[in-house]
Amino acid sequence: MTAAVFFGCTFIAFGPAVALFLFTIAREPLRVIFLIAGAFFWLVSLLLSSLVWFISVQISNKDSAAQQKGLLIFGVVLSVLLQETFRFAYYKLLKKANEGLLALSQEETMPISIRQLAYVSGLGFGFMSGAFSVVNILADSVGPGTVGIHGDSQHYFLSSAFMTMAIILLHMFWGVVFFDACERQRWWALAAVIISHLVVSCLTFQNPEYVASLVPTYVILLLMGVWAFYSAGGSLRNLKLCLTCKDKDFLLSNHRPR
């Protein structure tokens, strides 16, 4: 039973992201490099936020439950702000890198478009975020022990897997919207990405009331997915052409930089 829980939750959490990686990124070495670099930037942001939170805990009153809860909220907010700061830093770095690649290339177009960079970097952020969110939970799922034996919710592992999947996909959508907002200097869109990220992160404080955290998260996921679709140049017409396999250039795996 523990093996079934482990593999089931793993496939739920990482299945969609791995499928996207295999079909749209794995065949392009340049995209793989940018994805790994994006994951590294997220990791650095986590390192800095963890360091600040650790120092804050050490100098705080560990016997005060209210103070420790406040520090936890502070840590979450700080982590989100640092993640988005590093996303912006990565955008700036990618712009410089793309200009350098264009100068070295013999073609007149960039070897990889900014929309592709947004998607790839967002998925890199999501992979690393998902891994750190669920790896310890998956390790515990193999046992020994039984979830809910003391009256707690038996949906802990399953809910964690669905939340991780949502976070990974959200990072991908946030990346697309974020980069598009930077390109067009739409600062309200940047603020919307940061606020939605803060909301999703703070929704986890509703656990173990998993419905209260998962349902709003997936509503935000749907809205951000639609927003990212249109930010990437999508429309109902080319979506229909893609679904009927009549417009192969619409697929990211065949997308040419414009």
Protein backbone atom coordinates (compact mmCIF):
# COMPACT_ATOMS: atom_id res chain seq x y z
CA MET A 1 0.00 0.00 0.00
CA THR A 2 2.84 2.41 0.85
CA ALA A 3 4.46 1.80 -2.55
CA ALA A 4 1.16 2.58 -4.29
CA VAL A 5 0.84 5.82 -2.33
CA PHE A 6 4.44 6.78 -3.12
CA PHE A 7 4.25 6.18 -6.86
CA GLY A 8 0.70 7.54 -7.15
CA CYS A 9 1.56 10.81 -5.41
CA THR A 10 4.81 11.12 -7.36
CA PHE A 11 3.02 10.74 -10.69
CA ILE A 12 0.31 13.20 -9.65
CA ALA A 13 2.81 15.82 -8.48
CA PHE A 14 5.32 15.57 -11.32
CA GLY A 15 3.48 13.78 -14.14
CA PRO A 16 2.23 16.86 -16.07
CA ALA A 17 5.52 18.72 -15.65
CA VAL A 18 7.62 15.73 -16.76
CA ALA A 19 5.36 15.27 -19.78
CA LEU A 20 5.81 18.92 -20.73
CA PHE A 21 9.56 18.57 -20.33
CA LEU A 22 9.79 15.44 -22.49
CA PHE A 23 7.60 16.75 -25.30
CA THR A 24 8.67 20.40 -25.46
CA ILE A 25 12.12 20.81 -23.91
CA ALA A 26 14.17 17.60 -23.78
CA ARG A 27 14.99 17.58 -27.50
CA GLU A 28 16.42 21.11 -27.44
CA PRO A 29 19.76 21.40 -25.56
CA LEU A 30 19.46 25.17 -25.26
CA ARG A 31 16.09 24.89 -23.55
CA VAL A 32 17.43 22.27 -21.15
CA ILE A 33 20.28 24.59 -20.17
CA PHE A 34 17.91 27.50 -19.50
CA LEU A 35 15.59 25.22 -17.50
CA ILE A 36 18.46 24.08 -15.26
CA ALA A 37 19.59 27.68 -14.84
CA GLY A 38 16.06 28.68 -13.82
CA ALA A 39 15.99 25.89 -11.25
CA PHE A 40 19.32 27.14 -9.90
CA PHE A 41 18.00 30.70 -9.52
CA TRP A 42 15.01 29.40 -7.53
CA LEU A 43 17.38 27.38 -5.36
CA VAL A 44 19.47 30.47 -4.56
CA SER A 45 16.32 32.37 -3.58
CA LEU A 46 15.36 29.53 -1.22
CA LEU A 47 18.85 29.51 0.29
CA LEU A 48 18.69 33.22 1.09
CA SER A 49 15.16 33.08 2.53
CA SER A 50 16.08 30.02 4.62
CA LEU A 51 19.14 31.80 5.98
CA VAL A 52 17.12 34.86 7.01
CA TRP A 53 14.39 32.71 8.56
CA PHE A 54 16.94 30.60 10.48
CA ILE A 55 18.60 33.67 11.94
CA SER A 56 15.20 35.13 12.86
CA VAL A 57 14.20 31.95 14.68
CA GLN A 58 17.46 31.85 16.64
CA ILE A 59 17.08 35.39 17.96
CA SER A 60 13.36 35.06 18.71
CA ASN A 61 11.58 33.76 21.78
CA LYS A 62 11.12 30.04 21.04
CA ASP A 63 8.63 29.66 23.91
CA SER A 64 6.19 32.14 22.33
CA ALA A 65 3.78 30.31 20.01
CA ALA A 66 2.41 33.57 18.60
CA GLN A 67 5.89 34.81 17.78
CA GLN A 68 6.85 31.54 16.09
CA LYS A 69 3.68 31.63 14.01
CA GLY A 70 4.45 35.20 13.01
CA LEU A 71 7.95 34.15 11.98
CA LEU A 72 6.49 31.36 9.86
CA ILE A 73 4.25 33.84 8.04
CA PHE A 74 7.20 36.20 7.67
CA GLY A 75 9.28 33.38 6.20
CA VAL A 76 6.63 32.52 3.62
CA VAL A 77 6.19 36.13 2.52
CA LEU A 78 9.95 36.68 2.36
CA SER A 79 10.43 33.51 0.34
CA VAL A 80 7.80 34.56 -2.22
CA LEU A 81 9.28 38.05 -2.59
CA LEU A 82 12.78 36.64 -3.04
CA GLN A 83 11.55 34.12 -5.61
CA GLU A 84 9.96 36.87 -7.68
CA THR A 85 13.04 39.06 -7.27
CA PHE A 86 15.21 36.27 -8.63
CA ARG A 87 12.70 35.65 -11.43
CA PHE A 88 13.19 39.29 -12.45
CA ALA A 89 16.98 38.93 -12.18
CA TYR A 90 16.82 35.82 -14.34
CA TYR A 91 14.73 37.69 -16.91
CA LYS A 92 17.38 40.40 -17.11
CA LEU A 93 20.12 37.78 -17.45
CA LEU A 94 18.24 35.95 -20.20
CA LYS A 95 17.75 39.17 -22.13
CA LYS A 96 21.50 39.74 -22.09
CA ALA A 97 22.20 36.12 -22.97
CA ASN A 98 19.75 36.18 -25.86
CA GLU A 99 21.37 39.32 -27.26
CA GLY A 100 24.75 37.60 -27.07
CA LEU A 101 23.41 34.49 -28.81
CA LEU A 102 21.93 36.69 -31.53
CA ALA A 103 25.29 38.41 -32.04
CA LEU A 104 27.03 35.03 -32.39
CA SER A 105 24.34 33.54 -34.58
CA GLN A 106 24.46 33.89 -38.33
CA GLU A 107 20.67 34.11 -38.48
CA GLU A 108 18.67 37.31 -38.18
CA THR A 109 16.30 35.90 -35.55
CA MET A 110 17.03 34.96 -31.97
CA PRO A 111 17.83 31.27 -31.45
CA ILE A 112 15.13 31.11 -28.75
CA SER A 113 12.23 33.51 -28.30
CA ILE A 114 11.42 35.39 -25.09
CA ARG A 115 8.15 33.45 -24.83
CA GLN A 116 10.02 30.18 -24.93
CA LEU A 117 12.44 31.49 -22.32
CA ALA A 118 9.52 32.48 -20.09
CA TYR A 119 7.98 29.02 -20.37
CA VAL A 120 11.23 27.13 -19.87
CA SER A 121 12.42 29.23 -16.93
CA GLY A 122 9.00 29.02 -15.29
CA LEU A 123 9.04 25.25 -15.56
CA GLY A 124 12.55 25.22 -14.09
CA PHE A 125 11.32 27.26 -11.12
CA GLY A 126 8.37 24.89 -10.79
CA PHE A 127 10.44 21.70 -10.87
CA MET A 128 12.74 22.85 -8.11
CA SER A 129 9.89 24.29 -6.03
CA GLY A 130 7.90 21.07 -6.37
CA ALA A 131 10.88 18.92 -5.48
CA PHE A 132 11.54 20.80 -2.25
CA SER A 133 7.83 20.91 -1.41
CA VAL A 134 7.08 17.21 -1.64
CA VAL A 135 10.30 15.19 -1.47
CA ASN A 136 10.18 14.72 2.34
CA ILE A 137 6.47 13.92 2.18
CA LEU A 138 7.09 11.26 -0.46
CA ALA A 139 9.90 9.81 1.66
CA ASP A 140 7.48 9.47 4.59
CA SER A 141 4.80 7.89 2.39
CA VAL A 142 6.79 4.65 2.04
CA GLY A 143 6.25 4.00 5.75
CA PRO A 144 6.35 2.79 8.37
CA GLY A 145 3.11 4.17 9.74
CA THR A 146 -0.49 4.79 8.74
CA VAL A 147 -1.83 8.24 7.92
CA GLY A 148 -4.88 9.18 9.98
CA ILE A 149 -4.51 6.46 12.60
CA HIS A 150 -4.82 9.08 15.34
CA GLY A 151 -7.83 10.77 13.79
CA ASP A 152 -6.00 13.06 11.38
CA SER A 153 -6.96 13.42 7.73
CA GLN A 154 -6.13 10.43 5.54
CA HIS A 155 -5.81 12.69 2.51
CA TYR A 156 -2.52 14.26 3.57
CA PHE A 157 -0.30 12.67 0.91
CA LEU A 158 -2.86 13.00 -1.87
CA SER A 159 -3.58 16.64 -1.06
CA SER A 160 0.13 17.43 -0.91
CA ALA A 161 0.62 15.84 -4.34
CA PHE A 162 -2.19 17.89 -5.92
CA MET A 163 -0.90 21.07 -4.28
CA THR A 164 2.60 20.38 -5.60
CA MET A 165 1.28 19.82 -9.12
CA ALA A 166 -0.60 23.13 -8.92
CA ILE A 167 2.49 24.99 -7.67
CA ILE A 168 4.66 23.61 -10.50
CA LEU A 169 2.15 24.60 -13.16
CA LEU A 170 1.58 27.97 -11.52
CA HIS A 171 5.29 28.74 -11.66
CA MET A 172 5.18 28.01 -15.38
CA PHE A 173 2.20 30.33 -15.87
CA TRP A 174 3.69 32.98 -13.59
CA GLY A 175 6.88 32.89 -15.64
CA VAL A 176 5.04 33.48 -18.91
CA VAL A 177 2.94 36.34 -17.51
CA PHE A 178 5.91 37.83 -15.64
CA PHE A 179 8.21 37.92 -18.68
CA ASP A 180 5.44 39.31 -20.88
CA ALA A 181 4.75 42.02 -18.30
CA CYS A 182 8.45 42.94 -18.21
CA GLU A 183 8.59 43.09 -22.01
CA ARG A 184 5.57 45.38 -22.21
CA GLN A 185 6.34 47.24 -18.96
CA ARG A 186 2.99 46.35 -17.48
CA TRP A 187 3.85 46.75 -13.82
CA TRP A 188 0.29 45.99 -12.70
CA ALA A 189 0.70 42.53 -14.22
CA LEU A 190 3.92 42.02 -12.25
CA ALA A 191 2.04 43.03 -9.10
CA ALA A 192 -0.73 40.56 -9.97
CA VAL A 193 1.80 37.73 -10.29
CA ILE A 194 3.39 38.55 -6.95
CA ILE A 195 0.04 38.92 -5.17
CA SER A 196 -1.32 35.66 -6.59
CA HIS A 197 1.90 33.92 -5.53
CA LEU A 198 1.51 35.30 -2.02
CA VAL A 199 -2.15 34.24 -1.90
CA VAL A 200 -1.41 30.67 -3.01
CA SER A 201 1.44 30.35 -0.51
CA CYS A 202 -0.66 31.72 2.35
CA LEU A 203 -3.52 29.38 1.46
CA THR A 204 -1.39 26.50 2.72
CA PHE A 205 -1.92 27.87 6.24
CA GLN A 206 -5.49 26.56 5.90
CA ASN A 207 -4.21 22.98 6.09
CA PRO A 208 -5.33 20.47 7.25
CA GLU A 209 -8.56 21.96 5.87
CA TYR A 210 -7.41 20.81 2.43
CA VAL A 211 -10.56 21.88 0.58
CA ALA A 212 -10.03 25.45 1.78
CA SER A 213 -6.53 25.51 0.28
CA LEU A 214 -6.85 23.31 -2.83
CA VAL A 215 -10.04 24.74 -4.32
CA PRO A 216 -8.91 28.41 -4.34
CA THR A 217 -5.47 27.33 -5.56
CA TYR A 218 -6.92 25.52 -8.56
CA VAL A 219 -9.20 28.47 -9.32
CA ILE A 220 -6.11 30.70 -9.41
CA LEU A 221 -4.34 28.04 -11.50
CA LEU A 222 -7.14 28.12 -14.07
CA LEU A 223 -7.17 31.92 -14.23
CA MET A 224 -3.40 32.18 -14.52
CA GLY A 225 -3.39 29.47 -17.19
CA VAL A 226 -5.83 31.44 -19.32
CA TRP A 227 -3.85 34.64 -18.75
CA ALA A 228 -0.57 32.93 -19.67
CA PHE A 229 -2.17 31.46 -22.79
CA TYR A 230 -3.16 34.87 -24.11
CA SER A 231 0.13 36.44 -22.95
CA ALA A 232 1.97 33.86 -25.07
CA GLY A 233 0.03 34.97 -28.15
CA GLY A 234 -2.74 32.40 -27.95
CA SER A 235 -6.27 32.83 -29.21
CA LEU A 236 -9.38 30.69 -29.56
CA ARG A 237 -8.68 30.31 -33.27
CA ASN A 238 -5.15 28.94 -32.98
CA LEU A 239 -6.18 26.81 -29.99
CA LYS A 240 -8.77 25.17 -32.21
CA LEU A 241 -6.18 24.68 -34.95
CA CYS A 242 -3.76 23.16 -32.42
CA LEU A 243 -6.34 20.74 -31.00
CA THR A 244 -7.24 19.62 -34.52
CA CYS A 245 -3.51 19.32 -35.41
CA LYS A 246 -3.87 21.82 -38.27
CA ASP A 247 -1.35 24.35 -36.97
CA LYS A 248 1.87 22.62 -35.95
CA ASP A 249 3.71 25.93 -35.57
CA PHE A 250 1.42 26.72 -32.63
CA LEU A 251 2.96 23.86 -30.66
CA LEU A 252 5.89 25.03 -28.53
CA SER A 253 8.04 22.10 -29.69
CA ASN A 254 7.84 23.47 -33.22
CA HIS A 255 7.61 27.14 -32.34
CA ARG A 256 9.97 29.43 -34.27
CA PRO A 257 11.24 32.60 -32.68
CA ARG A 258 9.52 35.65 -34.08
